[in-house]
Protein backbone atom coordinates (compact mmCIF):
# COMPACT_ATOMS: atom_id res chain seq x y z
CA MET A 1 2.17 -115.41 3.10
CA THR A 2 5.26 -113.46 3.65
CA THR A 3 6.04 -110.37 1.56
CA THR A 4 8.72 -107.74 1.27
CA LYS A 5 8.51 -104.32 -0.25
CA TRP A 6 11.63 -102.42 -1.02
CA THR A 7 12.16 -98.58 -1.34
CA CYS A 8 15.17 -96.33 -1.60
CA SER A 9 15.72 -92.68 -1.93
CA VAL A 10 18.18 -89.89 -1.61
CA ASP A 11 17.26 -87.02 0.86
CA SER A 12 18.09 -83.27 0.41
CA ASN A 13 21.42 -83.74 2.08
CA GLY A 14 22.51 -86.38 -0.51
CA THR A 15 22.20 -89.21 2.00
CA ALA A 16 20.89 -92.51 0.37
CA ASN A 17 18.57 -94.77 2.37
CA LEU A 18 17.22 -98.21 1.63
CA TYR A 19 14.33 -99.72 3.42
CA CYS A 20 12.57 -103.06 3.46
CA GLU A 21 8.98 -103.46 4.65
CA LEU A 22 8.42 -107.10 5.82
CA THR A 23 4.88 -108.56 6.37
CA GLU A 24 4.97 -111.94 7.99
CA ASP A 25 1.96 -114.28 7.96
CA GLY A 26 -1.00 -112.60 9.90
CA GLN A 27 1.30 -109.97 11.45
CA GLN A 28 1.49 -106.13 10.99
CA PRO A 29 4.21 -105.01 8.57
CA THR A 30 7.55 -103.84 9.99
CA THR A 31 9.94 -101.43 8.16
CA GLU A 32 13.73 -101.76 8.64
CA LYS A 33 16.59 -99.60 7.24
CA VAL A 34 18.96 -101.95 5.56
CA LYS A 35 22.66 -101.69 4.88
CA LEU A 36 23.61 -104.27 2.36
CA LYS A 37 26.55 -106.59 2.75
CA GLY A 38 26.30 -108.66 -0.41
CA VAL A 39 28.09 -111.30 -2.55
CA CYS A 40 28.00 -111.74 -6.31
CA TYR A 41 27.21 -115.38 -6.82
CA SER A 42 27.74 -116.91 -10.28
CA PRO A 43 28.90 -120.55 -9.81
CA ALA A 44 29.94 -121.33 -13.38
CA PRO A 45 31.36 -124.75 -13.77
CA ILE A 46 35.02 -125.36 -14.88
CA ASN A 47 35.26 -124.47 -18.71
CA GLY A 48 31.72 -122.98 -18.52
CA SER A 49 30.84 -119.43 -19.15
CA ASN A 50 27.89 -117.06 -18.62
CA SER A 51 27.89 -116.40 -22.32
CA TYR A 52 27.22 -119.97 -23.33
CA ALA A 53 23.78 -121.03 -24.55
CA PRO A 54 21.18 -121.99 -23.67
CA ALA A 55 21.11 -120.68 -20.05
CA LEU A 56 23.51 -117.67 -20.33
CA GLY A 57 24.59 -118.07 -16.74
CA ASP A 58 21.38 -119.01 -15.18
CA TRP A 59 22.57 -121.62 -12.73
CA TYR A 60 19.55 -121.29 -10.40
CA TRP A 61 16.62 -122.90 -12.00
CA ASP A 62 14.51 -125.67 -10.55
CA ASP A 63 14.48 -129.37 -11.30
CA PHE A 64 11.59 -130.33 -13.66
CA GLU A 65 10.19 -133.21 -15.60
CA ALA A 66 10.04 -133.36 -19.36
CA GLY A 67 7.69 -136.13 -20.19
CA SER A 68 9.08 -139.22 -18.40
CA THR A 69 12.54 -137.68 -18.01
CA PHE A 70 13.61 -135.95 -14.78
CA ILE A 71 15.88 -132.96 -15.51
CA SER A 72 18.22 -132.28 -12.59
CA SER A 73 19.37 -128.65 -11.82
CA TRP A 74 22.34 -127.32 -10.09
CA SER A 75 20.65 -127.83 -6.69
CA PRO A 76 23.46 -130.06 -5.30
CA LEU A 77 25.90 -127.04 -6.02
CA LEU A 78 23.57 -124.74 -4.18
CA SER A 79 23.28 -127.08 -1.29
CA ARG A 80 27.05 -127.16 -1.04
CA ASP A 81 27.45 -123.36 -1.17
CA PHE A 82 24.69 -121.97 1.01
CA PRO A 83 26.07 -123.24 4.26
CA ASN A 84 29.32 -121.38 3.38
CA PHE A 85 27.31 -118.22 3.10
CA ARG A 86 26.50 -118.43 6.84
CA ASN A 87 30.14 -117.87 7.56
CA LEU A 88 30.28 -114.70 5.50
CA HIS A 89 27.25 -113.25 7.44
CA ASN A 90 26.02 -111.50 4.25
CA ASN A 91 22.61 -110.38 3.96
CA ALA A 92 22.39 -110.12 0.06
CA LEU A 93 23.24 -111.98 -3.10
CA ARG A 94 23.51 -110.69 -6.51
CA VAL A 95 23.02 -113.05 -9.37
CA TYR A 96 23.82 -112.10 -12.99
CA CYS A 97 21.11 -114.16 -14.71
CA MET A 98 17.66 -115.61 -14.20
CA LEU A 99 15.57 -116.40 -17.32
CA SER A 100 12.04 -117.86 -17.48
CA ARG A 101 12.93 -119.05 -21.09
CA GLN A 102 16.31 -120.11 -22.40
CA LEU A 103 17.81 -119.90 -25.75
CA GLU A 104 17.83 -122.83 -28.09
CA GLY A 105 20.86 -125.15 -27.58
CA ASN A 106 22.61 -123.63 -30.68
CA GLY A 107 22.33 -120.15 -29.34
CA THR A 108 19.41 -119.05 -31.43
CA PHE A 109 16.35 -117.37 -30.19
CA PRO A 110 13.13 -119.34 -29.78
CA SER A 111 10.25 -118.34 -32.01
CA PRO A 112 7.78 -117.54 -30.64
CA TRP A 113 9.66 -116.38 -27.62
CA ASP A 114 7.73 -118.70 -25.26
CA ASN A 115 8.39 -121.85 -27.33
CA GLY A 116 10.08 -123.96 -24.75
CA HIS A 117 10.20 -124.88 -21.05
CA TYR A 118 9.08 -122.37 -18.49
CA PHE A 119 11.93 -122.16 -15.95
CA THR A 120 11.23 -121.30 -12.32
CA HIS A 121 13.65 -120.44 -9.55
CA LYS A 122 11.81 -121.17 -6.26
CA ASN A 123 14.31 -123.57 -4.75
CA PHE A 124 17.14 -121.08 -4.94
CA LEU A 125 15.09 -118.18 -3.60
CA ASP A 126 13.75 -120.37 -0.77
CA LEU A 127 17.45 -121.22 0.14
CA ALA A 128 18.24 -117.57 0.09
CA TRP A 129 15.37 -116.79 2.44
CA ASP A 130 16.50 -119.75 4.70
CA LYS A 131 12.84 -120.90 4.52
CA SER A 132 13.40 -124.25 6.12
CA ALA A 133 15.33 -122.97 9.13
CA PRO A 134 13.62 -122.44 12.46
CA PRO A 135 12.95 -118.81 13.30
CA GLU A 136 15.77 -118.46 15.91
CA ALA A 137 18.33 -119.74 13.26
CA LYS A 138 17.16 -117.93 10.12
CA MET A 139 19.77 -115.96 8.14
CA ARG A 140 17.87 -114.55 5.44
CA ARG A 141 19.51 -113.07 2.29
CA SER A 142 17.92 -110.81 -0.23
CA VAL A 143 18.51 -111.44 -3.83
CA LEU A 144 19.29 -108.84 -6.64
CA VAL A 145 18.15 -110.65 -9.78
CA GLY A 146 19.96 -109.95 -12.89
CA ILE A 147 18.25 -109.97 -16.37
CA PRO A 148 21.07 -110.00 -18.82
CA LEU A 149 19.64 -107.89 -21.60
CA PRO A 150 22.43 -107.59 -24.14
CA ALA A 151 23.91 -104.54 -26.03
CA THR A 152 21.49 -105.28 -28.77
CA MET A 153 18.66 -103.85 -26.66
CA PHE A 154 20.46 -100.62 -25.90
CA TRP A 155 22.95 -99.76 -28.61
CA LYS A 156 21.04 -98.02 -31.36
CA THR A 157 23.16 -99.35 -34.21
CA GLN A 158 22.73 -102.90 -33.07
CA TYR A 159 19.00 -102.62 -32.25
CA ASP A 160 18.32 -101.17 -35.62
CA GLN A 161 19.92 -104.30 -37.08
CA ALA A 162 18.38 -106.88 -34.79
CA SER A 163 15.66 -109.30 -35.76
CA GLN A 164 12.22 -108.97 -34.39
CA VAL A 165 12.56 -112.40 -32.96
CA GLU A 166 15.37 -111.35 -30.80
CA ILE A 167 13.75 -108.07 -29.67
CA ASP A 168 10.53 -109.97 -28.78
CA TYR A 169 12.46 -112.62 -26.88
CA TRP A 170 14.35 -110.23 -24.52
CA THR A 171 11.31 -107.96 -23.99
CA ASN A 172 8.96 -110.69 -23.14
CA VAL A 173 11.52 -112.75 -21.16
CA LEU A 174 12.31 -109.66 -19.04
CA ARG A 175 8.60 -109.27 -18.25
CA GLU A 176 7.87 -112.93 -17.63
CA THR A 177 10.98 -113.43 -15.48
CA VAL A 178 10.15 -110.46 -13.36
CA ARG A 179 6.66 -111.51 -12.97
CA SER A 180 7.61 -115.18 -12.06
CA VAL A 181 9.76 -114.18 -9.03
CA ALA A 182 8.32 -110.78 -7.99
CA ASP A 183 6.22 -112.21 -5.16
CA HIS A 184 8.98 -114.11 -3.45
CA PRO A 185 10.06 -112.28 -0.29
CA ALA A 186 13.73 -112.97 -0.97
CA VAL A 187 13.70 -110.85 -4.07
CA MET A 188 14.71 -107.18 -3.42
CA GLY A 189 14.94 -106.08 -7.09
CA PHE A 190 16.31 -106.44 -10.52
CA THR A 191 19.16 -105.29 -12.74
CA ILE A 192 18.06 -104.89 -16.37
CA GLN A 193 21.65 -104.89 -17.78
CA ASN A 194 25.30 -105.42 -16.69
CA GLU A 195 28.11 -103.40 -18.33
CA GLN A 196 26.27 -102.80 -21.71
CA ASP A 197 27.57 -99.14 -21.54
CA GLY A 198 30.11 -97.21 -23.49
CA ALA A 199 31.23 -93.57 -23.90
CA ASP A 200 29.55 -93.12 -27.21
CA VAL A 201 26.24 -94.59 -26.36
CA CYS A 202 25.99 -93.13 -22.85
CA TYR A 203 27.15 -89.52 -23.44
CA ASN A 204 29.42 -88.74 -26.33
CA ASN A 205 26.82 -89.25 -29.26
CA PRO A 206 23.54 -87.43 -28.46
CA GLU A 207 21.55 -89.56 -30.78
CA TRP A 208 22.92 -92.93 -29.44
CA ALA A 209 22.80 -91.61 -25.90
CA THR A 210 19.06 -90.60 -26.19
CA PHE A 211 18.25 -94.10 -27.43
CA TRP A 212 20.44 -95.75 -24.87
CA TRP A 213 18.89 -94.13 -21.83
CA GLY A 214 15.51 -94.35 -23.36
CA GLN A 215 15.80 -98.09 -23.66
CA VAL A 216 16.99 -98.04 -19.86
CA GLU A 217 13.79 -96.37 -18.93
CA LYS A 218 11.71 -98.55 -21.11
CA MET A 219 13.07 -101.75 -19.72
CA ALA A 220 12.97 -100.48 -16.06
CA ALA A 221 9.37 -99.50 -16.57
CA ILE A 222 8.47 -103.05 -17.39
CA VAL A 223 10.21 -104.18 -14.16
CA LYS A 224 8.25 -101.72 -12.08
CA LYS A 225 5.01 -102.57 -13.67
CA GLU A 226 5.41 -106.26 -12.91
CA ALA A 227 7.03 -105.79 -9.53
CA PRO A 228 5.98 -102.46 -8.12
CA GLY A 229 7.25 -103.42 -4.53
CA LYS A 230 10.77 -104.31 -5.87
CA LEU A 231 13.67 -102.13 -6.97
CA ALA A 232 14.88 -101.65 -10.53
CA GLY A 233 18.41 -100.73 -11.45
CA MET A 234 21.29 -101.46 -13.67
CA ALA A 235 25.19 -101.82 -13.51
CA THR A 236 27.81 -99.97 -15.60
CA HIS A 237 31.55 -99.92 -15.74
CA ASP A 238 33.29 -97.65 -13.30
CA ASP A 239 33.31 -94.63 -15.77
CA PRO A 240 33.22 -91.39 -13.85
CA ASN A 241 32.08 -89.62 -16.92
CA ILE A 242 28.69 -91.19 -16.76
CA PRO A 243 27.55 -89.08 -13.80
CA LEU A 244 29.53 -86.22 -15.14
CA LYS A 245 28.30 -86.14 -18.68
CA ALA A 246 24.96 -88.15 -18.72
CA SER A 247 23.07 -86.55 -15.87
CA SER A 248 20.60 -84.89 -18.09
CA TYR A 249 19.83 -88.29 -19.70
CA MET A 250 19.76 -89.99 -16.42
CA GLU A 251 17.01 -87.61 -14.99
CA ASN A 252 14.62 -89.12 -17.66
CA CYS A 253 14.80 -92.50 -16.09
CA PRO A 254 12.06 -92.25 -13.21
CA SER A 255 11.61 -96.05 -13.23
CA ILE A 256 15.32 -96.60 -12.11
CA ASP A 257 15.56 -96.84 -8.41
CA PHE A 258 19.36 -97.21 -8.09
CA TRP A 259 22.43 -96.85 -10.26
CA GLY A 260 25.02 -99.67 -10.08
CA VAL A 261 28.71 -99.44 -10.59
CA ASN A 262 31.08 -102.40 -11.06
CA THR A 263 34.47 -101.09 -10.12
CA TYR A 264 37.76 -102.79 -10.71
CA GLN A 265 39.96 -100.42 -8.74
CA THR A 266 42.37 -102.18 -6.49
CA GLU A 267 43.27 -99.33 -4.04
CA THR A 268 40.59 -96.80 -3.85
CA PHE A 269 37.02 -96.36 -5.03
CA ALA A 270 37.46 -92.60 -5.31
CA THR A 271 38.75 -92.76 -8.89
CA THR A 272 35.41 -94.16 -9.96
CA ILE A 273 33.43 -91.24 -8.91
CA ARG A 274 35.98 -88.30 -8.93
CA THR A 275 37.05 -86.46 -11.96
CA GLY A 276 38.06 -82.84 -11.95
CA PRO A 277 37.57 -80.34 -9.19
CA LEU A 278 34.60 -81.95 -7.45
CA SER A 279 35.02 -84.76 -4.89
CA GLY A 280 33.10 -87.86 -5.34
CA GLY A 281 30.41 -87.02 -2.83
CA ALA A 282 29.90 -83.58 -4.25
CA ARG A 283 29.84 -84.84 -7.78
CA TRP A 284 26.99 -87.18 -7.07
CA ARG A 285 25.10 -84.40 -5.23
CA LYS A 286 25.52 -82.12 -8.19
CA TRP A 287 23.41 -84.41 -10.26
CA LEU A 288 20.02 -82.95 -11.16
CA PRO A 289 17.56 -83.80 -8.32
CA SER A 290 15.57 -86.14 -10.50
CA SER A 291 18.67 -88.13 -11.41
CA ARG A 292 19.78 -88.72 -7.83
CA LYS A 293 19.53 -92.39 -6.85
CA LYS A 294 21.05 -94.72 -4.39
CA LEU A 295 24.44 -96.13 -5.60
CA LEU A 296 25.22 -99.83 -5.31
CA ALA A 297 28.82 -100.76 -5.98
CA SER A 298 30.40 -104.19 -6.48
CA TRP A 299 34.18 -105.11 -7.01
CA PRO A 300 36.24 -108.19 -7.40
CA ALA A 301 37.52 -109.92 -4.33
CA TRP A 302 40.89 -108.50 -4.37
CA PRO A 303 43.15 -109.64 -1.50
CA PRO A 304 42.63 -107.42 1.59
CA THR A 305 46.26 -106.26 1.54
CA THR A 306 45.70 -104.61 -1.97
CA THR A 307 42.33 -102.99 -1.15
CA ARG A 308 42.85 -99.89 0.86
CA THR A 309 39.82 -97.43 0.93
CA PHE A 310 36.35 -97.61 -0.39
CA PRO A 311 34.71 -94.35 0.85
């Protein structure tokens, strides 16, 4: 059995490090320092959307049989795209959604939460790990798995109005999905939410911010319990006020291994992390020690002529 264990940290000089411990069948583990070169992969079909039920952007589930009916997945699309990744020489993939249980076709939540097919994702992860390739030709890619917890799970005003059915669905599907893929060597970690942030809920309103960051820690703790050898993180908009004004909240999230930023800047990444007299690097190092984490950034594929510097 092949396993991977991922760790990341920030040293006293503010330098972030990412490591992967790989244990191959019958061999001693080896640890490698990793620099990610990743691609966000979300092959939504024409006129499709990651917001549509029942899958919410999960294009990665395995074929399965329902009684005498064979349900075909998106595997032909994966077979088309993965050879193209070889030309990119990327070593990581980020996907926005994997779900062990999908919504009902009309967009409602199943009750109980596990009333429906149990979706697995082995074929996609095997392709990412290049499992079928001979050793000398392998080009393994690690996968950052997104669990698309909605604003309902983080915004206090929405959570207070949510049904118990919805809360049970998201809490348990997070736990079950993480557990279902945690042992696959291609999985490096998980994001518990993508861009469910906002000024009021992250730092302006103390009551809402306390709840928001408390939910971040609660959801990340579920990930770490089910997958202690994998990373837990999240992704927010490129709001420089999050590290500026929310550091005291962020230090109360010990289960988070990395902070993620989706930036939409076309010329420089600096505006994402620079506000006021401190430079970006200085600002991140000014965080309270317990809130310092590795920063993972992603941005749209702007043409190279319009993308200038990403320090």
